[in-house]
Amino acid sequence: EVLSLTRAFNKMLRELEIRQRHLVQSEKLASLGTLLSGVAHELNNPLSNISTSGQILAEEFKEAKENPASGPWPLDPNFSQELVGQINDQTDRARNIVRSLLEFSRDKDFKKQTLSLRGLIEETLRFVKGQASAGVTITVDVPEDLNVIVDKQRIQQAFLNLIKNAIEALPAEGAVAITARKRKAADKVDDETSIHNYLKYHGKCTLEDDTVDIEIRDSGGGIPADALPKVFDPFFTTKDVGKGSGLGLFIVHEIIEEHDGCIAVDSEPGKGTAFLIRLPLK
């Protein structure tokens, strides 16, 4: 009987693990839809630039062919070089955008690497800023030399979900502020008495070692007090039916824990919402 019970438990654990992976993949596909929308918007600028530069060069070639007497190349050489340079630069930009999308879409094993935090956030913003209305401002205050040790694909999915939620929480006008700082363990104070009163729920977001603290704050309507304890629960959402799976923040929470970090929320109706991600520096 004990052996039978053990087998049943092991089978149940395997099934739970499979279902967990399916949930993560489902939310990843939803994030991929957001990325595709951002890619279409982001590719428009470099392709437009390439097209314009190419048309100018084509017209000059045509003029040189139809009017040989005007000289072998009527266009100013410096201007020609500038146009070709723009074509090369914008082609590289478009290639990098597509490469970022492919990296995100591939199903890869969890693998940490040292990456620039600012670079990660700016790359993520490229995919979501097209969803923000003209009256929404997004600011990034992250030191250039601040690195994190993360799995790029998964941490980018977490950033994508949080930034997208912040943008969607805003009406026609508002602000999203993304900041990050190193924080030494010796300098930390109790979160309950600090200026950032995070983690009123889900315990305290405190790590014993030095950390990188990342804050994503919006000036939206905030989260009701009765909903705050549930924001990281699976299938819980305050969005209208059909507009949210309720898995976004749950997946974010899982990803941050996978990185040995913690995530906290601070919100008050009418005063916006802030999420704090705390990752080990080492």
Protein backbone atom coordinates (compact mmCIF):
# COMPACT_ATOMS: atom_id res chain seq x y z
CA GLU A 1 0.00 0.00 0.00
CA VAL A 2 2.84 2.39 0.83
CA LEU A 3 4.53 1.58 -2.50
CA SER A 4 1.24 2.15 -4.35
CA LEU A 5 0.75 5.47 -2.56
CA THR A 6 4.31 6.53 -3.41
CA ARG A 7 3.74 5.76 -7.09
CA ALA A 8 0.47 7.69 -7.06
CA PHE A 9 2.18 10.72 -5.50
CA ASN A 10 5.04 10.58 -8.02
CA LYS A 11 2.57 10.37 -10.88
CA MET A 12 0.64 13.32 -9.50
CA LEU A 13 3.85 15.37 -9.16
CA ARG A 14 4.80 14.59 -12.76
CA GLU A 15 1.37 15.63 -14.00
CA LEU A 16 1.52 18.84 -11.96
CA GLU A 17 4.93 19.62 -13.44
CA ILE A 18 3.63 19.04 -16.98
CA ARG A 19 0.60 21.25 -16.34
CA GLN A 20 2.86 23.94 -14.90
CA ARG A 21 4.97 23.89 -18.06
CA HIS A 22 1.81 24.15 -20.16
CA LEU A 23 0.68 27.19 -18.16
CA VAL A 24 4.05 28.87 -18.62
CA GLN A 25 4.02 28.12 -22.34
CA SER A 26 0.47 29.45 -22.66
CA GLU A 27 1.42 32.74 -21.03
CA LYS A 28 4.58 32.88 -23.14
CA LEU A 29 2.47 32.62 -26.30
CA ALA A 30 0.36 35.53 -25.05
CA SER A 31 3.54 37.53 -24.50
CA LEU A 32 4.71 36.53 -27.96
CA GLY A 33 1.56 38.09 -29.40
CA THR A 34 2.51 41.36 -27.70
CA LEU A 35 6.03 41.08 -29.10
CA LEU A 36 4.74 40.50 -32.64
CA SER A 37 2.60 43.62 -32.40
CA GLY A 38 5.63 45.58 -31.20
CA VAL A 39 7.86 44.13 -33.92
CA ALA A 40 5.44 45.23 -36.65
CA HIS A 41 5.48 48.76 -35.22
CA GLU A 42 9.23 48.82 -34.60
CA LEU A 43 10.20 47.49 -38.04
CA ASN A 44 8.23 50.22 -39.78
CA ASN A 45 10.84 52.94 -39.11
CA PRO A 46 13.98 51.17 -40.37
CA LEU A 47 12.17 49.76 -43.40
CA SER A 48 10.83 53.21 -44.27
CA ASN A 49 14.35 54.65 -43.98
CA ILE A 50 15.81 51.89 -46.17
CA SER A 51 13.09 52.41 -48.76
CA THR A 52 13.61 56.18 -48.94
CA SER A 53 17.40 55.92 -49.22
CA GLY A 54 17.08 53.21 -51.86
CA GLN A 55 14.64 55.30 -53.94
CA ILE A 56 16.97 58.32 -53.91
CA LEU A 57 19.91 56.19 -55.04
CA ALA A 58 17.78 54.50 -57.73
CA GLU A 59 16.67 57.89 -59.11
CA GLU A 60 20.28 59.06 -59.26
CA PHE A 61 21.32 55.89 -61.08
CA LYS A 62 18.49 56.45 -63.57
CA GLU A 63 19.47 60.08 -64.13
CA ALA A 64 23.11 59.14 -64.68
CA LYS A 65 22.07 56.48 -67.20
CA GLU A 66 19.68 58.77 -69.14
CA ASN A 67 22.03 61.76 -69.11
CA PRO A 68 25.58 60.46 -69.55
CA ALA A 69 26.77 63.97 -70.39
CA SER A 70 26.03 65.10 -66.84
CA GLY A 71 28.85 62.94 -65.56
CA PRO A 72 29.29 59.41 -64.31
CA TRP A 73 27.72 60.11 -60.92
CA PRO A 74 25.76 63.38 -60.42
CA LEU A 75 25.04 62.72 -56.75
CA ASP A 76 27.46 64.16 -54.19
CA PRO A 77 29.80 61.29 -53.11
CA ASN A 78 29.51 62.20 -49.42
CA PHE A 79 25.72 62.17 -49.60
CA SER A 80 25.82 58.85 -51.46
CA GLN A 81 28.01 57.37 -48.75
CA GLU A 82 25.61 58.68 -46.08
CA LEU A 83 22.62 57.04 -47.81
CA VAL A 84 24.42 53.70 -48.12
CA GLY A 85 25.45 53.97 -44.46
CA GLN A 86 21.83 54.55 -43.44
CA ILE A 87 20.74 51.50 -45.42
CA ASN A 88 23.36 49.34 -43.68
CA ASP A 89 22.57 50.72 -40.20
CA GLN A 90 18.81 50.32 -40.55
CA THR A 91 19.21 46.82 -42.01
CA ASP A 92 21.24 45.84 -38.92
CA ARG A 93 18.59 47.40 -36.70
CA ALA A 94 15.81 45.43 -38.39
CA ARG A 95 17.90 42.23 -38.17
CA ASN A 96 18.44 42.75 -34.43
CA ILE A 97 14.72 43.27 -33.85
CA VAL A 98 13.89 40.01 -35.62
CA ARG A 99 16.73 38.22 -33.77
CA SER A 100 15.33 39.39 -30.42
CA LEU A 101 11.92 38.01 -31.37
CA LEU A 102 13.40 34.66 -32.42
CA GLU A 103 15.40 34.39 -29.20
CA PHE A 104 12.26 34.99 -27.16
CA SER A 105 10.15 32.50 -29.13
CA ARG A 106 12.58 29.56 -28.94
CA ASP A 107 12.01 26.99 -26.21
CA LYS A 108 15.38 26.88 -24.44
CA ASP A 109 16.69 25.43 -21.20
CA PHE A 110 17.10 27.78 -18.25
CA LYS A 111 20.58 29.29 -18.49
CA LYS A 112 21.85 32.33 -16.62
CA GLN A 113 24.30 34.80 -18.14
CA THR A 114 25.60 38.24 -17.25
CA LEU A 115 23.67 40.91 -19.17
CA SER A 116 23.26 44.66 -19.13
CA LEU A 117 20.04 45.47 -17.26
CA ARG A 118 19.55 48.72 -19.15
CA GLY A 119 19.98 46.92 -22.46
CA LEU A 120 17.42 44.29 -21.46
CA ILE A 121 14.85 46.90 -20.46
CA GLU A 122 15.39 49.07 -23.54
CA GLU A 123 15.04 46.03 -25.81
CA THR A 124 11.81 45.06 -24.05
CA LEU A 125 10.46 48.60 -24.33
CA ARG A 126 10.93 48.52 -28.10
CA PHE A 127 8.24 45.85 -28.27
CA VAL A 128 5.65 47.47 -26.01
CA LYS A 129 5.99 51.25 -26.37
CA GLY A 130 3.86 51.13 -29.51
CA GLN A 131 0.91 50.14 -27.31
CA ALA A 132 1.21 53.30 -25.22
CA SER A 133 -0.91 56.30 -26.21
CA ALA A 134 0.73 59.60 -27.11
CA GLY A 135 0.02 61.03 -23.65
CA VAL A 136 1.95 58.27 -21.83
CA THR A 137 5.59 58.91 -20.94
CA ILE A 138 8.02 56.08 -20.17
CA THR A 139 11.26 56.91 -18.38
CA VAL A 140 14.22 54.64 -17.65
CA ASP A 141 16.68 55.42 -14.87
CA VAL A 142 19.08 52.48 -14.89
CA PRO A 143 22.88 52.86 -14.69
CA GLU A 144 24.71 51.84 -17.86
CA ASP A 145 27.15 49.65 -15.92
CA LEU A 146 24.53 47.73 -13.93
CA ASN A 147 24.57 44.04 -14.86
CA VAL A 148 22.33 41.17 -13.78
CA ILE A 149 22.87 37.40 -13.91
CA VAL A 150 19.69 36.09 -15.52
CA ASP A 151 18.12 33.87 -18.14
CA LYS A 152 17.45 36.44 -20.86
CA GLN A 153 14.31 34.87 -22.28
CA ARG A 154 12.55 34.37 -18.96
CA ILE A 155 13.50 37.67 -17.31
CA GLN A 156 12.47 39.51 -20.46
CA GLN A 157 9.08 37.82 -20.26
CA ALA A 158 8.73 39.08 -16.68
CA PHE A 159 9.67 42.64 -17.68
CA LEU A 160 7.34 42.47 -20.67
CA ASN A 161 4.35 41.47 -18.52
CA LEU A 162 5.00 44.11 -15.86
CA ILE A 163 5.60 46.98 -18.31
CA LYS A 164 2.59 45.99 -20.41
CA ASN A 165 0.41 45.91 -17.29
CA ALA A 166 1.71 49.34 -16.27
CA ILE A 167 0.84 50.81 -19.67
CA GLU A 168 -2.61 49.21 -19.67
CA ALA A 169 -3.27 50.61 -16.17
CA LEU A 170 -3.01 54.16 -17.51
CA PRO A 171 -5.77 56.18 -19.13
CA ALA A 172 -4.99 58.45 -22.10
CA GLU A 173 -2.24 60.18 -20.11
CA GLY A 174 0.15 59.06 -17.40
CA ALA A 175 3.67 57.92 -16.66
CA VAL A 176 5.62 54.70 -16.28
CA ALA A 177 8.96 54.95 -14.47
CA ILE A 178 11.53 52.14 -14.49
CA THR A 179 14.42 52.52 -12.05
CA ALA A 180 17.14 50.21 -10.77
CA ARG A 181 19.91 50.43 -8.19
CA LYS A 182 22.42 48.20 -6.44
CA ARG A 183 21.62 47.71 -2.79
CA LYS A 184 24.10 46.40 -0.25
CA ALA A 185 22.84 43.97 2.36
CA ALA A 186 24.44 46.06 5.11
CA ASP A 187 22.44 49.14 4.06
CA LYS A 188 19.03 47.48 3.99
CA VAL A 189 16.33 48.49 6.40
CA ASP A 190 13.04 46.91 7.30
CA ASP A 191 10.70 47.22 4.32
CA GLU A 192 7.83 48.12 6.61
CA THR A 193 9.60 51.29 7.76
CA SER A 194 11.43 52.17 4.54
CA ILE A 195 10.25 54.84 2.11
CA HIS A 196 9.17 52.04 -0.26
CA ASN A 197 6.53 50.21 1.71
CA TYR A 198 6.47 47.14 -0.52
CA LEU A 199 5.35 43.65 0.23
CA LYS A 200 2.50 44.28 2.53
CA TYR A 201 1.56 40.84 1.23
CA HIS A 202 3.46 37.70 0.26
CA GLY A 203 5.97 38.17 3.04
CA LYS A 204 9.01 40.41 3.03
CA CYS A 205 11.13 40.80 -0.08
CA THR A 206 14.46 40.60 1.68
CA LEU A 207 17.56 38.76 0.56
CA GLU A 208 20.60 38.36 2.78
CA ASP A 209 23.14 39.21 0.06
CA ASP A 210 23.69 42.34 -2.06
CA THR A 211 20.91 42.81 -4.59
CA VAL A 212 19.78 44.67 -7.68
CA ASP A 213 16.49 46.42 -6.93
CA ILE A 214 14.28 47.10 -9.96
CA GLU A 215 11.14 49.19 -9.66
CA ILE A 216 8.39 49.48 -12.28
CA ARG A 217 5.94 52.18 -11.23
CA ASP A 218 2.85 53.57 -12.97
CA SER A 219 0.60 56.52 -12.19
CA GLY A 220 -2.61 54.60 -12.88
CA GLY A 221 -5.66 54.01 -10.74
CA GLY A 222 -3.98 51.53 -8.40
CA ILE A 223 -5.14 48.16 -7.13
CA PRO A 224 -7.97 47.83 -4.59
CA ALA A 225 -6.81 46.80 -1.11
CA ASP A 226 -8.88 43.60 -1.15
CA ALA A 227 -7.25 42.50 -4.45
CA LEU A 228 -3.63 43.12 -3.43
CA PRO A 229 -3.15 39.82 -1.55
CA LYS A 230 -4.26 37.91 -4.66
CA VAL A 231 -2.32 39.63 -7.46
CA PHE A 232 0.23 36.80 -7.76
CA ASP A 233 -2.37 34.02 -7.53
CA PRO A 234 -2.98 31.99 -10.70
CA PHE A 235 -6.11 32.89 -12.69
CA PHE A 236 -6.79 36.01 -10.62
CA THR A 237 -7.37 39.13 -12.70
CA THR A 238 -9.06 42.50 -12.26
CA LYS A 239 -9.42 42.93 -16.03
CA ASP A 240 -12.69 42.49 -17.88
CA VAL A 241 -13.68 39.01 -19.04
CA GLY A 242 -11.69 38.01 -22.10
CA LYS A 243 -8.97 40.61 -21.55
CA GLY A 244 -6.72 38.72 -19.16
CA SER A 245 -5.88 35.11 -18.33
CA GLY A 246 -4.90 35.84 -14.74
CA LEU A 247 -1.57 34.11 -15.34
CA GLY A 248 0.64 37.11 -16.10
CA LEU A 249 1.72 38.07 -12.58
CA PHE A 250 1.70 34.45 -11.46
CA ILE A 251 4.26 33.65 -14.18
CA VAL A 252 6.27 36.76 -13.27
CA HIS A 253 6.37 35.57 -9.65
CA GLU A 254 7.53 32.11 -10.79
CA ILE A 255 10.26 33.57 -13.01
CA ILE A 256 11.64 35.82 -10.26
CA GLU A 257 11.69 32.95 -7.76
CA GLU A 258 13.45 30.83 -10.41
CA HIS A 259 16.19 33.49 -10.32
CA ASP A 260 16.43 33.20 -6.50
CA GLY A 261 14.90 36.65 -6.20
CA CYS A 262 11.66 38.04 -4.84
CA ILE A 263 8.95 40.39 -6.07
CA ALA A 264 6.79 42.81 -4.12
CA VAL A 265 3.86 45.10 -4.84
CA ASP A 266 2.80 48.43 -3.37
CA SER A 267 -0.40 50.06 -4.53
CA GLU A 268 -3.10 52.39 -3.39
CA PRO A 269 -6.27 53.33 -5.28
CA GLY A 270 -5.78 56.64 -7.05
CA LYS A 271 -2.02 56.70 -6.41
CA GLY A 272 -0.70 54.15 -8.88
CA THR A 273 1.10 50.85 -8.50
CA ALA A 274 4.75 49.87 -8.07
CA PHE A 275 6.35 46.46 -8.42
CA LEU A 276 9.73 45.81 -6.82
CA ILE A 277 11.94 43.05 -8.19
CA ARG A 278 14.94 42.16 -6.06
CA LEU A 279 17.59 39.92 -7.67
CA PRO A 280 20.83 38.59 -6.18
CA LEU A 281 23.80 40.61 -7.40
CA LYS A 282 26.06 37.53 -7.46
